[in-house]
Amino acid sequence: MTTEPTKTLETFANPAPQRDFQIHMEIPEFTCLCPKTGQPDFATLVLDYVPDELCVELKSLKLYVWSYRNEGCFHEAVTNRILDDLVAAVKPRFMRLTARFYVRGGIFTNVVAEHRKPGWQPAEKVELAEFAIQSNTRG
């Protein structure tokens, strides 16, 4: 059983490639290091994507996210790097990564990066109830 962080992102075949559907993930334990001070930075990553032929495998995503724990990264750079790595692995129709960094020096930082497959057009939006942050937490 793998217990070490890794930059390898594994995928599996999309079970419904004939339709657009959204995958929503919340990753509340992201950490990296401030490249200036070496102190830890904490963030919640919110990943939303419309898969094409592939989906990201969750354990590999967990180990990938863990791999940043001892890396010095600016918030803007690490958000875009993670998105680039996910896009390279999954090749989605659409992907958005939102990184919500916790307060540092009195400043909260949110970074949003997006990818859209060339030529892909989303279906017209149907208004449904939105998922609240931490929607999978009960109690």
C-alpha atoms as a PDB file:
ATOM      1  CA  MET A   1       0.000   0.000   0.000  1.00  0.00           C
ATOM      2  CA  THR A   2       1.408   3.396  -0.993  1.00  0.00           C
ATOM      3  CA  THR A   3       1.966   5.726   1.931  1.00  0.00           C
ATOM      4  CA  GLU A   4       4.290   8.196   0.237  1.00  0.00           C
ATOM      5  CA  PRO A   5       3.318  11.360  -1.620  1.00  0.00           C
ATOM      6  CA  THR A   6       3.650  11.261  -5.400  1.00  0.00           C
ATOM      7  CA  LYS A   7       3.197  13.528  -8.404  1.00  0.00           C
ATOM      8  CA  THR A   8       1.564  10.678 -10.372  1.00  0.00           C
ATOM      9  CA  LEU A   9      -2.120  11.191 -11.156  1.00  0.00           C
ATOM     10  CA  GLU A  10      -3.975   8.027 -12.083  1.00  0.00           C
ATOM     11  CA  THR A  11      -7.164   7.994 -14.140  1.00  0.00           C
ATOM     12  CA  PHE A  12     -10.010   5.641 -15.020  1.00  0.00           C
ATOM     13  CA  ALA A  13     -12.446   5.552 -17.926  1.00  0.00           C
ATOM     14  CA  ASN A  14     -15.404   7.938 -17.730  1.00  0.00           C
ATOM     15  CA  PRO A  15     -18.450   5.713 -17.116  1.00  0.00           C
ATOM     16  CA  ALA A  16     -20.739   8.090 -19.090  1.00  0.00           C
ATOM     17  CA  PRO A  17     -18.684   9.809 -21.824  1.00  0.00           C
ATOM     18  CA  GLN A  18     -21.816  10.393 -23.912  1.00  0.00           C
ATOM     19  CA  ARG A  19     -22.973  13.226 -21.621  1.00  0.00           C
ATOM     20  CA  ASP A  20     -21.659  16.240 -19.790  1.00  0.00           C
ATOM     21  CA  PHE A  21     -21.777  15.856 -16.033  1.00  0.00           C
ATOM     22  CA  GLN A  22     -20.011  17.712 -13.263  1.00  0.00           C
ATOM     23  CA  ILE A  23     -17.647  16.204 -10.715  1.00  0.00           C
ATOM     24  CA  HIS A  24     -17.243  18.358  -7.599  1.00  0.00           C
ATOM     25  CA  MET A  25     -14.488  17.705  -5.036  1.00  0.00           C
ATOM     26  CA  GLU A  26     -13.503  19.593  -1.908  1.00  0.00           C
ATOM     27  CA  ILE A  27      -9.985  19.065  -0.588  1.00  0.00           C
ATOM     28  CA  PRO A  28      -9.811  20.840   2.785  1.00  0.00           C
ATOM     29  CA  GLU A  29      -6.317  19.758   3.871  1.00  0.00           C
ATOM     30  CA  PHE A  30      -3.992  21.221   1.213  1.00  0.00           C
ATOM     31  CA  THR A  31      -0.687  22.499   2.573  1.00  0.00           C
ATOM     32  CA  CYS A  32       2.462  23.898   1.011  1.00  0.00           C
ATOM     33  CA  LEU A  33       5.198  26.173   2.282  1.00  0.00           C
ATOM     34  CA  CYS A  34       5.546  29.915   1.846  1.00  0.00           C
ATOM     35  CA  PRO A  35       8.554  30.367  -0.462  1.00  0.00           C
ATOM     36  CA  LYS A  36       9.578  33.518   1.429  1.00  0.00           C
ATOM     37  CA  THR A  37       9.309  32.379   5.073  1.00  0.00           C
ATOM     38  CA  GLY A  38       9.137  28.583   4.916  1.00  0.00           C
ATOM     39  CA  GLN A  39       6.022  28.671   7.090  1.00  0.00           C
ATOM     40  CA  PRO A  40       3.092  26.425   6.141  1.00  0.00           C
ATOM     41  CA  ASP A  41       0.245  27.740   4.021  1.00  0.00           C
ATOM     42  CA  PHE A  42      -3.122  26.007   4.318  1.00  0.00           C
ATOM     43  CA  ALA A  43      -5.915  25.956   1.748  1.00  0.00           C
ATOM     44  CA  THR A  44      -9.113  24.289   0.740  1.00  0.00           C
ATOM     45  CA  LEU A  45      -9.022  23.259  -2.908  1.00  0.00           C
ATOM     46  CA  VAL A  46     -12.331  23.040  -4.764  1.00  0.00           C
ATOM     47  CA  LEU A  47     -12.143  21.071  -7.995  1.00  0.00           C
ATOM     48  CA  ASP A  48     -15.019  21.109 -10.471  1.00  0.00           C
ATOM     49  CA  TYR A  49     -14.763  19.431 -13.847  1.00  0.00           C
ATOM     50  CA  VAL A  50     -16.670  17.974 -16.768  1.00  0.00           C
ATOM     51  CA  PRO A  51     -14.800  14.826 -17.795  1.00  0.00           C
ATOM     52  CA  ASP A  52     -14.279  13.743 -21.378  1.00  0.00           C
ATOM     53  CA  GLU A  53     -12.873  10.205 -21.660  1.00  0.00           C
ATOM     54  CA  LEU A  54     -11.134  10.034 -18.256  1.00  0.00           C
ATOM     55  CA  CYS A  55     -11.736  10.779 -14.565  1.00  0.00           C
ATOM     56  CA  VAL A  56      -9.098  11.300 -11.866  1.00  0.00           C
ATOM     57  CA  GLU A  57      -8.698   8.473  -9.345  1.00  0.00           C
ATOM     58  CA  LEU A  58      -9.205   9.764  -5.791  1.00  0.00           C
ATOM     59  CA  LYS A  59      -6.368   8.027  -3.924  1.00  0.00           C
ATOM     60  CA  SER A  60      -3.825   9.214  -6.484  1.00  0.00           C
ATOM     61  CA  LEU A  61      -5.258  12.744  -6.147  1.00  0.00           C
ATOM     62  CA  LYS A  62      -4.854  12.539  -2.371  1.00  0.00           C
ATOM     63  CA  LEU A  63      -1.204  11.430  -2.692  1.00  0.00           C
ATOM     64  CA  TYR A  64      -0.591  14.106  -5.345  1.00  0.00           C
ATOM     65  CA  VAL A  65      -1.976  16.868  -3.111  1.00  0.00           C
ATOM     66  CA  TRP A  66       0.120  15.512  -0.233  1.00  0.00           C
ATOM     67  CA  SER A  67       3.255  15.896  -2.376  1.00  0.00           C
ATOM     68  CA  TYR A  68       3.108  19.699  -1.969  1.00  0.00           C
ATOM     69  CA  ARG A  69       3.363  19.604   1.823  1.00  0.00           C
ATOM     70  CA  ASN A  70       7.098  20.400   1.900  1.00  0.00           C
ATOM     71  CA  GLU A  71       7.294  22.493  -1.276  1.00  0.00           C
ATOM     72  CA  GLY A  72       7.691  26.251  -1.326  1.00  0.00           C
ATOM     73  CA  CYS A  73       5.083  27.716  -3.693  1.00  0.00           C
ATOM     74  CA  PHE A  74       3.362  31.018  -4.295  1.00  0.00           C
ATOM     75  CA  HIS A  75      -0.432  30.603  -4.158  1.00  0.00           C
ATOM     76  CA  GLU A  76      -0.940  31.681  -7.760  1.00  0.00           C
ATOM     77  CA  ALA A  77       1.791  29.381  -9.085  1.00  0.00           C
ATOM     78  CA  VAL A  78       0.743  26.254  -7.191  1.00  0.00           C
ATOM     79  CA  THR A  79      -2.918  26.659  -8.180  1.00  0.00           C
ATOM     80  CA  ASN A  80      -2.037  26.905 -11.869  1.00  0.00           C
ATOM     81  CA  ARG A  81       0.494  24.062 -11.632  1.00  0.00           C
ATOM     82  CA  ILE A  82      -2.053  21.718 -10.049  1.00  0.00           C
ATOM     83  CA  LEU A  83      -4.606  22.637 -12.712  1.00  0.00           C
ATOM     84  CA  ASP A  84      -2.042  22.040 -15.482  1.00  0.00           C
ATOM     85  CA  ASP A  85      -1.137  18.618 -14.062  1.00  0.00           C
ATOM     86  CA  LEU A  86      -4.790  17.604 -13.714  1.00  0.00           C
ATOM     87  CA  VAL A  87      -5.598  18.776 -17.250  1.00  0.00           C
ATOM     88  CA  ALA A  88      -2.605  16.849 -18.629  1.00  0.00           C
ATOM     89  CA  ALA A  89      -3.746  13.648 -16.885  1.00  0.00           C
ATOM     90  CA  VAL A  90      -7.521  13.836 -17.369  1.00  0.00           C
ATOM     91  CA  LYS A  91      -7.913  15.950 -20.544  1.00  0.00           C
ATOM     92  CA  PRO A  92     -11.333  17.201 -19.390  1.00  0.00           C
ATOM     93  CA  ARG A  93     -13.932  19.124 -21.364  1.00  0.00           C
ATOM     94  CA  PHE A  94     -13.834  21.756 -18.624  1.00  0.00           C
ATOM     95  CA  MET A  95     -11.998  22.102 -15.321  1.00  0.00           C
ATOM     96  CA  ARG A  96     -11.929  24.801 -12.647  1.00  0.00           C
ATOM     97  CA  LEU A  97      -9.679  24.762  -9.601  1.00  0.00           C
ATOM     98  CA  THR A  98     -10.402  27.214  -6.796  1.00  0.00           C
ATOM     99  CA  ALA A  99      -7.772  27.509  -4.062  1.00  0.00           C
ATOM    100  CA  ARG A 100      -9.006  29.237  -0.910  1.00  0.00           C
ATOM    101  CA  PHE A 101      -5.944  29.970   1.204  1.00  0.00           C
ATOM    102  CA  TYR A 102      -6.379  30.666   4.891  1.00  0.00           C
ATOM    103  CA  VAL A 103      -5.394  34.001   6.365  1.00  0.00           C
ATOM    104  CA  ARG A 104      -1.719  34.924   6.317  1.00  0.00           C
ATOM    105  CA  GLY A 105      -0.622  38.356   7.528  1.00  0.00           C
ATOM    106  CA  GLY A 106      -4.254  39.483   7.659  1.00  0.00           C
ATOM    107  CA  ILE A 107      -4.900  38.545   4.003  1.00  0.00           C
ATOM    108  CA  PHE A 108      -7.079  35.767   2.619  1.00  0.00           C
ATOM    109  CA  THR A 109      -6.157  34.718  -0.923  1.00  0.00           C
ATOM    110  CA  ASN A 110      -8.470  32.953  -3.388  1.00  0.00           C
ATOM    111  CA  VAL A 111      -7.066  31.839  -6.734  1.00  0.00           C
ATOM    112  CA  VAL A 112      -9.330  30.511  -9.507  1.00  0.00           C
ATOM    113  CA  ALA A 113      -7.851  28.875 -12.617  1.00  0.00           C
ATOM    114  CA  GLU A 114      -9.825  27.331 -15.493  1.00  0.00           C
ATOM    115  CA  HIS A 115      -9.302  25.142 -18.541  1.00  0.00           C
ATOM    116  CA  ARG A 116     -11.737  24.664 -21.425  1.00  0.00           C
ATOM    117  CA  LYS A 117     -11.166  22.046 -24.142  1.00  0.00           C
ATOM    118  CA  PRO A 118     -10.921  23.809 -27.527  1.00  0.00           C
ATOM    119  CA  GLY A 119     -14.263  23.675 -29.305  1.00  0.00           C
ATOM    120  CA  TRP A 120     -16.218  22.422 -26.297  1.00  0.00           C
ATOM    121  CA  GLN A 121     -19.398  24.340 -25.585  1.00  0.00           C
ATOM    122  CA  PRO A 122     -21.352  23.633 -22.416  1.00  0.00           C
ATOM    123  CA  ALA A 123     -25.004  22.755 -22.609  1.00  0.00           C
ATOM    124  CA  GLU A 124     -27.404  25.497 -21.566  1.00  0.00           C
ATOM    125  CA  LYS A 125     -27.432  25.728 -17.771  1.00  0.00           C
ATOM    126  CA  VAL A 126     -30.405  24.367 -15.887  1.00  0.00           C
ATOM    127  CA  GLU A 127     -30.796  26.158 -12.561  1.00  0.00           C
ATOM    128  CA  LEU A 128     -30.734  23.708  -9.658  1.00  0.00           C
ATOM    129  CA  ALA A 129     -29.898  24.067  -5.993  1.00  0.00           C
ATOM    130  CA  GLU A 130     -26.225  24.828  -5.354  1.00  0.00           C
ATOM    131  CA  PHE A 131     -24.022  22.616  -3.188  1.00  0.00           C
ATOM    132  CA  ALA A 132     -22.918  24.405  -0.042  1.00  0.00           C
ATOM    133  CA  ILE A 133     -19.239  24.289   0.883  1.00  0.00           C
ATOM    134  CA  GLN A 134     -18.691  21.256   3.105  1.00  0.00           C
ATOM    135  CA  SER A 135     -21.920  19.803   1.745  1.00  0.00           C
ATOM    136  CA  ASN A 136     -20.731  16.256   2.488  1.00  0.00           C
ATOM    137  CA  THR A 137     -20.228  16.942   6.175  1.00  0.00           C
ATOM    138  CA  ARG A 138     -23.066  15.791   8.362  1.00  0.00           C
ATOM    139  CA  GLY A 139     -23.921  16.928  11.841  1.00  0.00           C
END
